[in-house]
Amino acid sequence: MTSKKESSQKYPSDISDEEWEIVESIFEELEPYTTGRPRSSDLREILNAIFYLNKTGCPWRYLPNDFPSYKLVNYYYNKWTDNKLLENLNTALREQLREKKRPKTRSNRRDHRQPKCQGNP
């Protein structure tokens, strides 16, 4: 599977490098590419195009030229929607975010209760 190692994102909807590491492992697990000739299309760019379309709401044919062709993006979108790969990607990314935000131990949390008064008021 090919992937671009560009750290700069062209569009705000592009997937980050950290997210791509997670997504790439899910792709390898859920949709291994084992037969036929090697893939010539970059799955990260296809996913970025799908995110761009989702964010902007533009028609398929108006997809900017720096993305793969809209026909190829549409093919993968339909394929991944039918086999629920996009749904699984969303679930994995959401779980990863929750793990990141979840406190590791109870000792990390501060006790925000007010101290009790010892004397008479």
C-alpha atoms as a PDB file:
ATOM      1  CA  MET A   1       0.000   0.000   0.000  1.00  0.00           C
ATOM      2  CA  THR A   2       1.420   3.365  -0.928  1.00  0.00           C
ATOM      3  CA  SER A   3       1.165   6.388   1.281  1.00  0.00           C
ATOM      4  CA  LYS A   4       2.434   9.913   1.010  1.00  0.00           C
ATOM      5  CA  LYS A   5       4.725  11.013   3.791  1.00  0.00           C
ATOM      6  CA  GLU A   6       3.846  14.684   3.441  1.00  0.00           C
ATOM      7  CA  SER A   7       3.332  16.283   6.808  1.00  0.00           C
ATOM      8  CA  SER A   8       1.625  19.345   5.357  1.00  0.00           C
ATOM      9  CA  GLN A   9      -2.063  19.135   4.689  1.00  0.00           C
ATOM     10  CA  LYS A  10      -3.361  20.760   1.521  1.00  0.00           C
ATOM     11  CA  TYR A  11      -6.921  21.098   2.813  1.00  0.00           C
ATOM     12  CA  PRO A  12      -8.376  21.374   6.323  1.00  0.00           C
ATOM     13  CA  SER A  13     -10.320  18.161   5.665  1.00  0.00           C
ATOM     14  CA  ASP A  14      -7.146  16.127   5.004  1.00  0.00           C
ATOM     15  CA  ILE A  15      -6.321  13.310   7.380  1.00  0.00           C
ATOM     16  CA  SER A  16      -3.387  13.961   9.735  1.00  0.00           C
ATOM     17  CA  ASP A  17      -0.262  11.800   9.823  1.00  0.00           C
ATOM     18  CA  GLU A  18      -1.251  10.455  13.241  1.00  0.00           C
ATOM     19  CA  GLU A  19      -4.732   9.524  12.013  1.00  0.00           C
ATOM     20  CA  TRP A  20      -3.270   7.975   8.854  1.00  0.00           C
ATOM     21  CA  GLU A  21      -1.102   5.608  10.916  1.00  0.00           C
ATOM     22  CA  ILE A  22      -4.255   4.287  12.574  1.00  0.00           C
ATOM     23  CA  VAL A  23      -6.244   4.176   9.338  1.00  0.00           C
ATOM     24  CA  GLU A  24      -3.465   2.444   7.412  1.00  0.00           C
ATOM     25  CA  SER A  25      -3.336  -0.402   9.938  1.00  0.00           C
ATOM     26  CA  ILE A  26      -7.112  -0.789   9.712  1.00  0.00           C
ATOM     27  CA  PHE A  27      -6.910  -0.913   5.911  1.00  0.00           C
ATOM     28  CA  GLU A  28      -4.296  -3.655   6.115  1.00  0.00           C
ATOM     29  CA  GLU A  29      -6.425  -5.619   8.572  1.00  0.00           C
ATOM     30  CA  LEU A  30      -9.875  -5.217   7.021  1.00  0.00           C
ATOM     31  CA  GLU A  31      -9.014  -4.989   3.340  1.00  0.00           C
ATOM     32  CA  PRO A  32      -5.676  -6.662   2.650  1.00  0.00           C
ATOM     33  CA  TYR A  33      -4.485  -6.300  -0.916  1.00  0.00           C
ATOM     34  CA  THR A  34      -3.211  -9.752  -1.814  1.00  0.00           C
ATOM     35  CA  THR A  35      -4.105 -10.483  -5.428  1.00  0.00           C
ATOM     36  CA  GLY A  36      -3.455  -8.836  -8.763  1.00  0.00           C
ATOM     37  CA  ARG A  37      -1.011  -6.121  -9.643  1.00  0.00           C
ATOM     38  CA  PRO A  38       0.138  -3.603  -7.059  1.00  0.00           C
ATOM     39  CA  ARG A  39      -2.177  -0.706  -6.369  1.00  0.00           C
ATOM     40  CA  SER A  40      -1.166   2.440  -8.254  1.00  0.00           C
ATOM     41  CA  SER A  41      -3.567   4.716  -6.400  1.00  0.00           C
ATOM     42  CA  ASP A  42      -2.789   6.307  -3.051  1.00  0.00           C
ATOM     43  CA  LEU A  43      -5.463   5.322  -0.552  1.00  0.00           C
ATOM     44  CA  ARG A  44      -4.648   8.274   1.667  1.00  0.00           C
ATOM     45  CA  GLU A  45      -5.358  10.694  -1.184  1.00  0.00           C
ATOM     46  CA  ILE A  46      -8.589   8.860  -1.996  1.00  0.00           C
ATOM     47  CA  LEU A  47      -9.666   9.110   1.630  1.00  0.00           C
ATOM     48  CA  ASN A  48      -8.699  12.808   1.665  1.00  0.00           C
ATOM     49  CA  ALA A  49     -10.862  13.336  -1.437  1.00  0.00           C
ATOM     50  CA  ILE A  50     -13.817  11.628   0.253  1.00  0.00           C
ATOM     51  CA  PHE A  51     -13.342  13.828   3.333  1.00  0.00           C
ATOM     52  CA  TYR A  52     -13.102  16.900   1.091  1.00  0.00           C
ATOM     53  CA  LEU A  53     -16.351  16.008  -0.671  1.00  0.00           C
ATOM     54  CA  ASN A  54     -18.048  15.384   2.664  1.00  0.00           C
ATOM     55  CA  LYS A  55     -16.830  18.668   4.140  1.00  0.00           C
ATOM     56  CA  THR A  56     -17.530  20.929   1.158  1.00  0.00           C
ATOM     57  CA  GLY A  57     -20.576  19.212  -0.325  1.00  0.00           C
ATOM     58  CA  CYS A  58     -19.317  19.842  -3.854  1.00  0.00           C
ATOM     59  CA  PRO A  59     -20.404  17.558  -6.705  1.00  0.00           C
ATOM     60  CA  TRP A  60     -18.121  14.629  -7.578  1.00  0.00           C
ATOM     61  CA  ARG A  61     -17.136  16.163 -10.919  1.00  0.00           C
ATOM     62  CA  TYR A  62     -15.949  19.370  -9.195  1.00  0.00           C
ATOM     63  CA  LEU A  63     -13.328  17.551  -7.148  1.00  0.00           C
ATOM     64  CA  PRO A  64     -10.059  19.568  -7.426  1.00  0.00           C
ATOM     65  CA  ASN A  65      -7.438  18.228  -9.832  1.00  0.00           C
ATOM     66  CA  ASP A  66      -4.869  17.581  -7.096  1.00  0.00           C
ATOM     67  CA  PHE A  67      -7.003  14.637  -5.938  1.00  0.00           C
ATOM     68  CA  PRO A  68      -7.340  11.367  -7.879  1.00  0.00           C
ATOM     69  CA  SER A  69     -10.058  11.300 -10.550  1.00  0.00           C
ATOM     70  CA  TYR A  70     -13.586  11.575  -9.260  1.00  0.00           C
ATOM     71  CA  LYS A  71     -14.442   8.225 -10.898  1.00  0.00           C
ATOM     72  CA  LEU A  72     -11.749   6.433  -8.904  1.00  0.00           C
ATOM     73  CA  VAL A  73     -12.746   8.212  -5.684  1.00  0.00           C
ATOM     74  CA  ASN A  74     -16.381   7.320  -6.332  1.00  0.00           C
ATOM     75  CA  TYR A  75     -15.452   3.674  -6.943  1.00  0.00           C
ATOM     76  CA  TYR A  76     -13.657   3.406  -3.592  1.00  0.00           C
ATOM     77  CA  TYR A  77     -16.377   5.365  -1.783  1.00  0.00           C
ATOM     78  CA  ASN A  78     -19.056   2.950  -3.009  1.00  0.00           C
ATOM     79  CA  LYS A  79     -16.874  -0.082  -2.260  1.00  0.00           C
ATOM     80  CA  TRP A  80     -15.999   1.078   1.262  1.00  0.00           C
ATOM     81  CA  THR A  81     -19.573   2.093   2.020  1.00  0.00           C
ATOM     82  CA  ASP A  82     -20.927  -1.283   0.902  1.00  0.00           C
ATOM     83  CA  ASN A  83     -18.428  -3.318   2.939  1.00  0.00           C
ATOM     84  CA  LYS A  84     -18.717  -0.925   5.937  1.00  0.00           C
ATOM     85  CA  LEU A  85     -15.016  -0.061   5.902  1.00  0.00           C
ATOM     86  CA  LEU A  86     -15.698   3.670   6.325  1.00  0.00           C
ATOM     87  CA  GLU A  87     -17.920   2.934   9.314  1.00  0.00           C
ATOM     88  CA  ASN A  88     -15.171   0.803  10.867  1.00  0.00           C
ATOM     89  CA  LEU A  89     -12.606   3.538  10.233  1.00  0.00           C
ATOM     90  CA  ASN A  90     -14.798   6.080  11.963  1.00  0.00           C
ATOM     91  CA  THR A  91     -15.256   3.771  14.951  1.00  0.00           C
ATOM     92  CA  ALA A  92     -11.518   3.113  15.261  1.00  0.00           C
ATOM     93  CA  LEU A  93     -10.607   6.800  15.059  1.00  0.00           C
ATOM     94  CA  ARG A  94     -13.263   7.699  17.633  1.00  0.00           C
ATOM     95  CA  GLU A  95     -12.021   5.002  20.037  1.00  0.00           C
ATOM     96  CA  GLN A  96      -8.440   6.190  19.587  1.00  0.00           C
ATOM     97  CA  LEU A  97      -9.456   9.760  20.410  1.00  0.00           C
ATOM     98  CA  ARG A  98     -11.346   8.626  23.509  1.00  0.00           C
ATOM     99  CA  GLU A  99      -8.345   6.618  24.694  1.00  0.00           C
ATOM    100  CA  LYS A 100      -6.152   9.659  24.243  1.00  0.00           C
ATOM    101  CA  LYS A 101      -8.478  11.930  26.232  1.00  0.00           C
ATOM    102  CA  ARG A 102      -9.300   9.413  28.975  1.00  0.00           C
ATOM    103  CA  PRO A 103      -7.312   9.921  32.192  1.00  0.00           C
ATOM    104  CA  LYS A 104      -4.789   7.132  32.727  1.00  0.00           C
ATOM    105  CA  THR A 105      -5.146   6.798  36.510  1.00  0.00           C
ATOM    106  CA  ARG A 106      -7.220   8.228  39.289  1.00  0.00           C
ATOM    107  CA  SER A 107      -4.162   9.963  40.764  1.00  0.00           C
ATOM    108  CA  ASN A 108      -4.046  12.266  37.731  1.00  0.00           C
ATOM    109  CA  ARG A 109      -7.385  13.789  38.654  1.00  0.00           C
ATOM    110  CA  ARG A 110      -7.568  16.551  41.237  1.00  0.00           C
ATOM    111  CA  ASP A 111     -10.071  16.539  44.016  1.00  0.00           C
ATOM    112  CA  HIS A 112     -12.183  19.623  43.345  1.00  0.00           C
ATOM    113  CA  ARG A 113     -14.339  19.358  46.455  1.00  0.00           C
ATOM    114  CA  GLN A 114     -14.295  22.257  48.874  1.00  0.00           C
ATOM    115  CA  PRO A 115     -12.479  21.585  52.141  1.00  0.00           C
ATOM    116  CA  LYS A 116     -14.750  21.144  55.151  1.00  0.00           C
ATOM    117  CA  CYS A 117     -14.681  23.829  57.808  1.00  0.00           C
ATOM    118  CA  GLN A 118     -13.294  22.626  61.141  1.00  0.00           C
ATOM    119  CA  GLY A 119     -14.388  25.425  63.436  1.00  0.00           C
ATOM    120  CA  ASN A 120     -17.715  26.979  64.363  1.00  0.00           C
ATOM    121  CA  PRO A 121     -18.914  29.665  61.977  1.00  0.00           C
END
